[in-house]
């Protein structure tokens, strides 16, 4: 309990700093848009500024919603609905959820499993959410291929998610799971990226007493995320 409270306090401090910093840009854009709209001489120009302001407001709403959801996540640890689940089916369902994104990016996503049936007690909703985050992240950085590998080894369920992108700089491997950290500026908040996807994965994995680590792939040229969940004998 003490550890969870400490995590909650630390995350909320990070949340407050990040929200305070990131909300300044859309507020400034709104102020500029309002002034420009008031000074516009034509209705067409005024409508153009109003449209941009509406877009900024949407961004602010999405940002605030994402930040508040993350801030409330620690409470979910006490409300997990664990049930015995077919892991292969869970992963394939997450892959299906990412199918449209994969098509848009022209990326193939494949699962290789050493066994056809692996059952595990977990919270389906949150584990599915974490898997979709990991898979969509891999698709976003991949060139053509994302490979998932599932196995059981040393009393652990092990899932790796690898892509053929450019990988992760060694000095970033330790910070990639930190809330609100974004390694590439072009994956901007205007595109719905708030630096929370991997941080959510860490929380969900921790709720299930597992671990998640990042490295660079030995099979492909890109990043490799390894998720391990303990198997109780």
C-alpha atoms as a PDB file:
ATOM      1  CA  UNK A   1       0.000   0.000   0.000  1.00  0.00           C
ATOM      2  CA  UNK A   2       2.776   2.447   0.933  1.00  0.00           C
ATOM      3  CA  UNK A   3       4.532   1.736  -2.356  1.00  0.00           C
ATOM      4  CA  UNK A   4       1.350   2.369  -4.349  1.00  0.00           C
ATOM      5  CA  UNK A   5       0.720   5.648  -2.541  1.00  0.00           C
ATOM      6  CA  UNK A   6       4.301   6.718  -3.251  1.00  0.00           C
ATOM      7  CA  UNK A   7       3.858   5.915  -6.947  1.00  0.00           C
ATOM      8  CA  UNK A   8       0.580   7.822  -7.031  1.00  0.00           C
ATOM      9  CA  UNK A   9       2.142  10.937  -5.496  1.00  0.00           C
ATOM     10  CA  UNK A  10       5.133  10.781  -7.864  1.00  0.00           C
ATOM     11  CA  UNK A  11       2.928  10.304 -10.939  1.00  0.00           C
ATOM     12  CA  UNK A  12       0.657  13.167  -9.934  1.00  0.00           C
ATOM     13  CA  UNK A  13       3.646  15.488  -9.576  1.00  0.00           C
ATOM     14  CA  UNK A  14       4.805  14.531 -13.083  1.00  0.00           C
ATOM     15  CA  UNK A  15       1.247  14.964 -14.352  1.00  0.00           C
ATOM     16  CA  UNK A  16       0.937  18.469 -12.909  1.00  0.00           C
ATOM     17  CA  UNK A  17       4.261  19.574 -14.400  1.00  0.00           C
ATOM     18  CA  UNK A  18       3.527  18.130 -17.813  1.00  0.00           C
ATOM     19  CA  UNK A  19      -0.027  19.437 -18.050  1.00  0.00           C
ATOM     20  CA  UNK A  20       1.086  22.880 -16.876  1.00  0.00           C
ATOM     21  CA  UNK A  21       3.777  22.937 -19.577  1.00  0.00           C
ATOM     22  CA  UNK A  22       1.844  21.376 -22.457  1.00  0.00           C
ATOM     23  CA  UNK A  23      -1.374  23.317 -22.087  1.00  0.00           C
ATOM     24  CA  UNK A  24       0.423  26.633 -22.647  1.00  0.00           C
ATOM     25  CA  UNK A  25       0.842  26.038 -26.385  1.00  0.00           C
ATOM     26  CA  UNK A  26      -2.845  25.488 -27.258  1.00  0.00           C
ATOM     27  CA  UNK A  27      -3.843  28.378 -24.968  1.00  0.00           C
ATOM     28  CA  UNK A  28      -1.425  30.660 -26.804  1.00  0.00           C
ATOM     29  CA  UNK A  29      -2.805  29.439 -30.144  1.00  0.00           C
ATOM     30  CA  UNK A  30      -6.348  30.136 -28.980  1.00  0.00           C
ATOM     31  CA  UNK A  31      -5.397  33.644 -27.883  1.00  0.00           C
ATOM     32  CA  UNK A  32      -3.730  34.327 -31.228  1.00  0.00           C
ATOM     33  CA  UNK A  33      -6.680  32.865 -33.152  1.00  0.00           C
ATOM     34  CA  UNK A  34      -9.194  34.936 -31.222  1.00  0.00           C
ATOM     35  CA  UNK A  35      -7.287  38.169 -31.807  1.00  0.00           C
ATOM     36  CA  UNK A  36      -6.793  37.342 -35.494  1.00  0.00           C
ATOM     37  CA  UNK A  37     -10.486  36.485 -35.932  1.00  0.00           C
ATOM     38  CA  UNK A  38     -11.562  39.759 -34.325  1.00  0.00           C
ATOM     39  CA  UNK A  39      -9.274  41.686 -36.658  1.00  0.00           C
ATOM     40  CA  UNK A  40     -10.251  39.773 -39.815  1.00  0.00           C
ATOM     41  CA  UNK A  41     -11.803  41.873 -42.561  1.00  0.00           C
ATOM     42  CA  UNK A  42     -13.595  39.034 -44.354  1.00  0.00           C
ATOM     43  CA  UNK A  43     -15.992  36.336 -43.167  1.00  0.00           C
ATOM     44  CA  UNK A  44     -13.916  33.664 -44.944  1.00  0.00           C
ATOM     45  CA  UNK A  45     -10.785  34.619 -43.019  1.00  0.00           C
ATOM     46  CA  UNK A  46     -12.703  34.796 -39.743  1.00  0.00           C
ATOM     47  CA  UNK A  47     -14.162  31.295 -40.338  1.00  0.00           C
ATOM     48  CA  UNK A  48     -10.667  29.989 -41.042  1.00  0.00           C
ATOM     49  CA  UNK A  49      -9.381  31.175 -37.663  1.00  0.00           C
ATOM     50  CA  UNK A  50     -12.476  29.853 -35.881  1.00  0.00           C
ATOM     51  CA  UNK A  51     -11.933  26.431 -37.454  1.00  0.00           C
ATOM     52  CA  UNK A  52      -8.348  26.375 -36.223  1.00  0.00           C
ATOM     53  CA  UNK A  53      -9.481  27.406 -32.750  1.00  0.00           C
ATOM     54  CA  UNK A  54     -12.025  24.591 -32.717  1.00  0.00           C
ATOM     55  CA  UNK A  55      -9.218  22.160 -33.555  1.00  0.00           C
ATOM     56  CA  UNK A  56      -7.090  23.501 -30.700  1.00  0.00           C
ATOM     57  CA  UNK A  57      -9.992  23.106 -28.274  1.00  0.00           C
ATOM     58  CA  UNK A  58     -10.417  19.498 -29.386  1.00  0.00           C
ATOM     59  CA  UNK A  59      -6.704  18.905 -28.758  1.00  0.00           C
ATOM     60  CA  UNK A  60      -6.995  20.423 -25.286  1.00  0.00           C
ATOM     61  CA  UNK A  61      -9.993  18.224 -24.466  1.00  0.00           C
ATOM     62  CA  UNK A  62      -8.190  15.066 -25.630  1.00  0.00           C
ATOM     63  CA  UNK A  63      -5.024  16.010 -23.742  1.00  0.00           C
ATOM     64  CA  UNK A  64      -6.883  16.747 -20.507  1.00  0.00           C
ATOM     65  CA  UNK A  65      -8.920  13.552 -20.803  1.00  0.00           C
ATOM     66  CA  UNK A  66      -5.791  11.438 -21.356  1.00  0.00           C
ATOM     67  CA  UNK A  67      -3.938  13.051 -18.458  1.00  0.00           C
ATOM     68  CA  UNK A  68      -6.871  12.658 -16.040  1.00  0.00           C
ATOM     69  CA  UNK A  69      -7.372   9.023 -17.051  1.00  0.00           C
ATOM     70  CA  UNK A  70      -3.724   8.281 -16.340  1.00  0.00           C
ATOM     71  CA  UNK A  71      -3.914  10.117 -13.002  1.00  0.00           C
ATOM     72  CA  UNK A  72      -6.823   7.888 -11.918  1.00  0.00           C
ATOM     73  CA  UNK A  73      -5.244   4.603 -13.004  1.00  0.00           C
ATOM     74  CA  UNK A  74      -3.625   3.712  -9.676  1.00  0.00           C
ATOM     75  CA  UNK A  75      -7.093   3.266  -8.195  1.00  0.00           C
ATOM     76  CA  UNK A  76      -7.810   0.595 -10.813  1.00  0.00           C
ATOM     77  CA  UNK A  77      -5.268  -1.721  -9.164  1.00  0.00           C
ATOM     78  CA  UNK A  78      -7.822  -2.355  -6.417  1.00  0.00           C
ATOM     79  CA  UNK A  79     -10.625  -3.131  -8.896  1.00  0.00           C
ATOM     80  CA  UNK A  80      -9.043  -5.671 -11.261  1.00  0.00           C
ATOM     81  CA  UNK A  81     -11.386  -8.280 -12.734  1.00  0.00           C
ATOM     82  CA  UNK A  82      -9.039 -11.217 -13.252  1.00  0.00           C
ATOM     83  CA  UNK A  83     -10.269 -14.221 -15.198  1.00  0.00           C
ATOM     84  CA  UNK A  84      -8.618 -17.207 -16.872  1.00  0.00           C
ATOM     85  CA  UNK A  85      -7.919 -16.171 -20.450  1.00  0.00           C
ATOM     86  CA  UNK A  86      -6.582 -17.820 -23.614  1.00  0.00           C
ATOM     87  CA  UNK A  87      -3.473 -15.711 -24.205  1.00  0.00           C
ATOM     88  CA  UNK A  88      -3.181 -16.520 -27.901  1.00  0.00           C
ATOM     89  CA  UNK A  89      -6.782 -15.399 -28.424  1.00  0.00           C
ATOM     90  CA  UNK A  90      -6.151 -12.220 -26.406  1.00  0.00           C
ATOM     91  CA  UNK A  91      -3.092 -11.307 -28.489  1.00  0.00           C
ATOM     92  CA  UNK A  92      -4.844 -12.072 -31.782  1.00  0.00           C
ATOM     93  CA  UNK A  93      -7.759  -9.882 -30.689  1.00  0.00           C
ATOM     94  CA  UNK A  94      -5.333  -7.013 -29.969  1.00  0.00           C
ATOM     95  CA  UNK A  95      -3.715  -7.532 -33.382  1.00  0.00           C
ATOM     96  CA  UNK A  96      -7.161  -7.319 -34.992  1.00  0.00           C
ATOM     97  CA  UNK A  97      -7.819  -4.039 -33.143  1.00  0.00           C
ATOM     98  CA  UNK A  98      -4.630  -2.649 -34.739  1.00  0.00           C
ATOM     99  CA  UNK A  99      -5.410  -4.011 -38.210  1.00  0.00           C
ATOM    100  CA  UNK A 100      -6.607  -0.720 -39.698  1.00  0.00           C
ATOM    101  CA  UNK A 101      -3.497   1.128 -38.513  1.00  0.00           C
ATOM    102  CA  UNK A 102      -1.304  -1.653 -39.915  1.00  0.00           C
ATOM    103  CA  UNK A 103      -3.028  -1.370 -43.291  1.00  0.00           C
ATOM    104  CA  UNK A 104      -2.601   2.398 -43.339  1.00  0.00           C
ATOM    105  CA  UNK A 105       1.122   2.008 -42.583  1.00  0.00           C
ATOM    106  CA  UNK A 106       1.501  -0.994 -44.955  1.00  0.00           C
ATOM    107  CA  UNK A 107       2.935  -3.035 -42.078  1.00  0.00           C
ATOM    108  CA  UNK A 108       2.424  -6.777 -41.555  1.00  0.00           C
ATOM    109  CA  UNK A 109       1.822  -8.008 -37.997  1.00  0.00           C
ATOM    110  CA  UNK A 110       2.481 -11.675 -37.198  1.00  0.00           C
ATOM    111  CA  UNK A 111       2.248 -13.776 -34.014  1.00  0.00           C
ATOM    112  CA  UNK A 112       4.497 -16.818 -33.524  1.00  0.00           C
ATOM    113  CA  UNK A 113       3.549 -18.971 -30.515  1.00  0.00           C
ATOM    114  CA  UNK A 114       5.370 -22.064 -29.238  1.00  0.00           C
ATOM    115  CA  UNK A 115       2.097 -23.516 -27.997  1.00  0.00           C
ATOM    116  CA  UNK A 116      -1.459 -23.356 -29.282  1.00  0.00           C
ATOM    117  CA  UNK A 117      -3.042 -23.023 -25.827  1.00  0.00           C
ATOM    118  CA  UNK A 118      -1.773 -20.891 -22.940  1.00  0.00           C
ATOM    119  CA  UNK A 119      -4.207 -19.845 -20.221  1.00  0.00           C
ATOM    120  CA  UNK A 120      -3.479 -17.140 -17.678  1.00  0.00           C
ATOM    121  CA  UNK A 121      -5.452 -15.288 -15.004  1.00  0.00           C
ATOM    122  CA  UNK A 122      -5.561 -11.579 -15.859  1.00  0.00           C
ATOM    123  CA  UNK A 123      -7.729  -8.517 -16.248  1.00  0.00           C
ATOM    124  CA  UNK A 124      -8.795  -8.801 -19.886  1.00  0.00           C
ATOM    125  CA  UNK A 125      -9.705  -5.140 -20.416  1.00  0.00           C
ATOM    126  CA  UNK A 126      -6.455  -3.663 -19.142  1.00  0.00           C
ATOM    127  CA  UNK A 127      -4.188  -6.331 -20.637  1.00  0.00           C
ATOM    128  CA  UNK A 128      -5.875  -5.861 -24.003  1.00  0.00           C
ATOM    129  CA  UNK A 129      -5.356  -2.108 -23.653  1.00  0.00           C
ATOM    130  CA  UNK A 130      -1.655  -2.613 -22.899  1.00  0.00           C
ATOM    131  CA  UNK A 131      -1.187  -5.003 -25.832  1.00  0.00           C
ATOM    132  CA  UNK A 132      -2.894  -2.613 -28.248  1.00  0.00           C
ATOM    133  CA  UNK A 133      -0.596   0.166 -27.005  1.00  0.00           C
ATOM    134  CA  UNK A 134       2.508  -1.977 -27.584  1.00  0.00           C
ATOM    135  CA  UNK A 135       1.417  -3.261 -30.991  1.00  0.00           C
ATOM    136  CA  UNK A 136       0.269   0.133 -32.297  1.00  0.00           C
ATOM    137  CA  UNK A 137       3.515   1.674 -31.044  1.00  0.00           C
ATOM    138  CA  UNK A 138       5.502  -0.960 -32.946  1.00  0.00           C
ATOM    139  CA  UNK A 139       3.434  -0.386 -36.095  1.00  0.00           C
ATOM    140  CA  UNK A 140       4.028   3.347 -35.829  1.00  0.00           C
ATOM    141  CA  UNK A 141       7.811   2.906 -35.896  1.00  0.00           C
ATOM    142  CA  UNK A 142       8.043  -0.135 -38.205  1.00  0.00           C
ATOM    143  CA  UNK A 143       9.020  -0.010 -41.849  1.00  0.00           C
ATOM    144  CA  UNK A 144       7.253  -3.154 -43.013  1.00  0.00           C
ATOM    145  CA  UNK A 145       7.083  -5.740 -40.252  1.00  0.00           C
ATOM    146  CA  UNK A 146       6.054  -6.326 -36.623  1.00  0.00           C
ATOM    147  CA  UNK A 147       6.753  -9.741 -35.082  1.00  0.00           C
ATOM    148  CA  UNK A 148       5.208 -11.027 -31.843  1.00  0.00           C
ATOM    149  CA  UNK A 149       6.645 -14.139 -30.166  1.00  0.00           C
ATOM    150  CA  UNK A 150       4.917 -15.944 -27.277  1.00  0.00           C
ATOM    151  CA  UNK A 151       6.517 -18.662 -25.144  1.00  0.00           C
ATOM    152  CA  UNK A 152       6.773 -20.095 -21.626  1.00  0.00           C
ATOM    153  CA  UNK A 153      10.223 -20.266 -20.053  1.00  0.00           C
ATOM    154  CA  UNK A 154      11.656 -20.337 -16.509  1.00  0.00           C
ATOM    155  CA  UNK A 155       8.203 -20.205 -14.895  1.00  0.00           C
ATOM    156  CA  UNK A 156       7.263 -17.101 -16.882  1.00  0.00           C
ATOM    157  CA  UNK A 157       4.977 -16.250 -19.756  1.00  0.00           C
ATOM    158  CA  UNK A 158       7.114 -14.264 -22.210  1.00  0.00           C
ATOM    159  CA  UNK A 159       5.876 -12.058 -25.050  1.00  0.00           C
ATOM    160  CA  UNK A 160       8.210 -10.087 -27.281  1.00  0.00           C
ATOM    161  CA  UNK A 161       7.082  -7.428 -29.744  1.00  0.00           C
ATOM    162  CA  UNK A 162       9.684  -6.457 -32.339  1.00  0.00           C
ATOM    163  CA  UNK A 163       9.654  -4.127 -35.323  1.00  0.00           C
ATOM    164  CA  UNK A 164      11.972  -3.432 -38.251  1.00  0.00           C
ATOM    165  CA  UNK A 165      12.224   0.317 -37.644  1.00  0.00           C
ATOM    166  CA  UNK A 166      15.290   2.268 -36.605  1.00  0.00           C
ATOM    167  CA  UNK A 167      15.255   1.076 -32.992  1.00  0.00           C
ATOM    168  CA  UNK A 168      15.789   2.981 -29.750  1.00  0.00           C
ATOM    169  CA  UNK A 169      18.927   4.919 -28.814  1.00  0.00           C
ATOM    170  CA  UNK A 170      20.731   3.210 -25.928  1.00  0.00           C
ATOM    171  CA  UNK A 171      20.564   6.331 -23.755  1.00  0.00           C
ATOM    172  CA  UNK A 172      16.763   6.377 -24.124  1.00  0.00           C
ATOM    173  CA  UNK A 173      16.071   2.787 -23.076  1.00  0.00           C
ATOM    174  CA  UNK A 174      15.792   3.725 -19.398  1.00  0.00           C
ATOM    175  CA  UNK A 175      13.368   6.622 -19.898  1.00  0.00           C
ATOM    176  CA  UNK A 176      11.054   5.319 -22.616  1.00  0.00           C
ATOM    177  CA  UNK A 177       8.474   4.092 -20.074  1.00  0.00           C
ATOM    178  CA  UNK A 178       8.415   7.368 -18.127  1.00  0.00           C
ATOM    179  CA  UNK A 179       5.025   9.130 -18.325  1.00  0.00           C
ATOM    180  CA  UNK A 180       4.830  11.972 -20.891  1.00  0.00           C
ATOM    181  CA  UNK A 181       8.212  11.129 -22.473  1.00  0.00           C
ATOM    182  CA  UNK A 182       8.086  11.224 -26.283  1.00  0.00           C
ATOM    183  CA  UNK A 183      11.182  10.194 -28.208  1.00  0.00           C
ATOM    184  CA  UNK A 184      10.168  11.799 -31.493  1.00  0.00           C
ATOM    185  CA  UNK A 185       8.812  15.327 -31.737  1.00  0.00           C
ATOM    186  CA  UNK A 186       7.013  14.559 -34.997  1.00  0.00           C
ATOM    187  CA  UNK A 187       4.724  12.138 -33.143  1.00  0.00           C
ATOM    188  CA  UNK A 188       3.065  15.217 -31.718  1.00  0.00           C
ATOM    189  CA  UNK A 189       0.132  15.723 -29.388  1.00  0.00           C
ATOM    190  CA  UNK A 190      -1.714  17.128 -32.384  1.00  0.00           C
ATOM    191  CA  UNK A 191      -1.736  13.516 -33.652  1.00  0.00           C
ATOM    192  CA  UNK A 192      -3.022  12.209 -30.319  1.00  0.00           C
ATOM    193  CA  UNK A 193       0.355  11.167 -28.890  1.00  0.00           C
ATOM    194  CA  UNK A 194       0.704  12.221 -25.260  1.00  0.00           C
ATOM    195  CA  UNK A 195       3.583   9.992 -24.154  1.00  0.00           C
ATOM    196  CA  UNK A 196       1.322   7.804 -22.010  1.00  0.00           C
ATOM    197  CA  UNK A 197       0.955   4.560 -23.989  1.00  0.00           C
ATOM    198  CA  UNK A 198       4.066   2.808 -22.668  1.00  0.00           C
ATOM    199  CA  UNK A 199       3.589   4.226 -19.163  1.00  0.00           C
ATOM    200  CA  UNK A 200       0.139   2.612 -19.099  1.00  0.00           C
ATOM    201  CA  UNK A 201       1.728  -0.694 -20.162  1.00  0.00           C
ATOM    202  CA  UNK A 202       4.093  -0.501 -17.173  1.00  0.00           C
ATOM    203  CA  UNK A 203       1.203   0.025 -14.757  1.00  0.00           C
ATOM    204  CA  UNK A 204      -0.855  -2.844 -16.166  1.00  0.00           C
ATOM    205  CA  UNK A 205       2.148  -5.181 -16.112  1.00  0.00           C
ATOM    206  CA  UNK A 206       2.957  -4.184 -12.552  1.00  0.00           C
ATOM    207  CA  UNK A 207      -0.635  -4.925 -11.490  1.00  0.00           C
ATOM    208  CA  UNK A 208      -0.040  -8.500 -12.716  1.00  0.00           C
ATOM    209  CA  UNK A 209       3.353  -8.740 -10.934  1.00  0.00           C
ATOM    210  CA  UNK A 210       5.199  -8.824 -14.241  1.00  0.00           C
ATOM    211  CA  UNK A 211       7.907  -6.792 -15.935  1.00  0.00           C
ATOM    212  CA  UNK A 212       8.314  -5.012 -19.243  1.00  0.00           C
ATOM    213  CA  UNK A 213      11.651  -3.997 -20.743  1.00  0.00           C
ATOM    214  CA  UNK A 214      12.872  -2.329 -23.918  1.00  0.00           C
ATOM    215  CA  UNK A 215      15.879  -3.232 -26.035  1.00  0.00           C
ATOM    216  CA  UNK A 216      16.879  -3.395 -29.676  1.00  0.00           C
ATOM    217  CA  UNK A 217      15.831  -6.429 -31.691  1.00  0.00           C
ATOM    218  CA  UNK A 218      18.239  -9.221 -32.575  1.00  0.00           C
ATOM    219  CA  UNK A 219      15.861 -10.587 -35.219  1.00  0.00           C
ATOM    220  CA  UNK A 220      14.821  -7.315 -36.814  1.00  0.00           C
ATOM    221  CA  UNK A 221      16.492  -3.921 -36.980  1.00  0.00           C
ATOM    222  CA  UNK A 222      14.138  -2.046 -34.679  1.00  0.00           C
ATOM    223  CA  UNK A 223      12.911  -1.989 -31.110  1.00  0.00           C
ATOM    224  CA  UNK A 224      12.054  -5.009 -28.981  1.00  0.00           C
ATOM    225  CA  UNK A 225       9.678  -4.923 -26.007  1.00  0.00           C
ATOM    226  CA  UNK A 226       9.701  -7.946 -23.703  1.00  0.00           C
ATOM    227  CA  UNK A 227       6.741  -8.602 -21.420  1.00  0.00           C
ATOM    228  CA  UNK A 228       7.131 -11.231 -18.694  1.00  0.00           C
ATOM    229  CA  UNK A 229       4.359 -12.517 -16.416  1.00  0.00           C
ATOM    230  CA  UNK A 230       5.092 -15.037 -13.654  1.00  0.00           C
ATOM    231  CA  UNK A 231       3.561 -18.512 -13.849  1.00  0.00           C
ATOM    232  CA  UNK A 232       2.609 -19.787 -10.415  1.00  0.00           C
ATOM    233  CA  UNK A 233       3.409 -23.474 -10.151  1.00  0.00           C
END
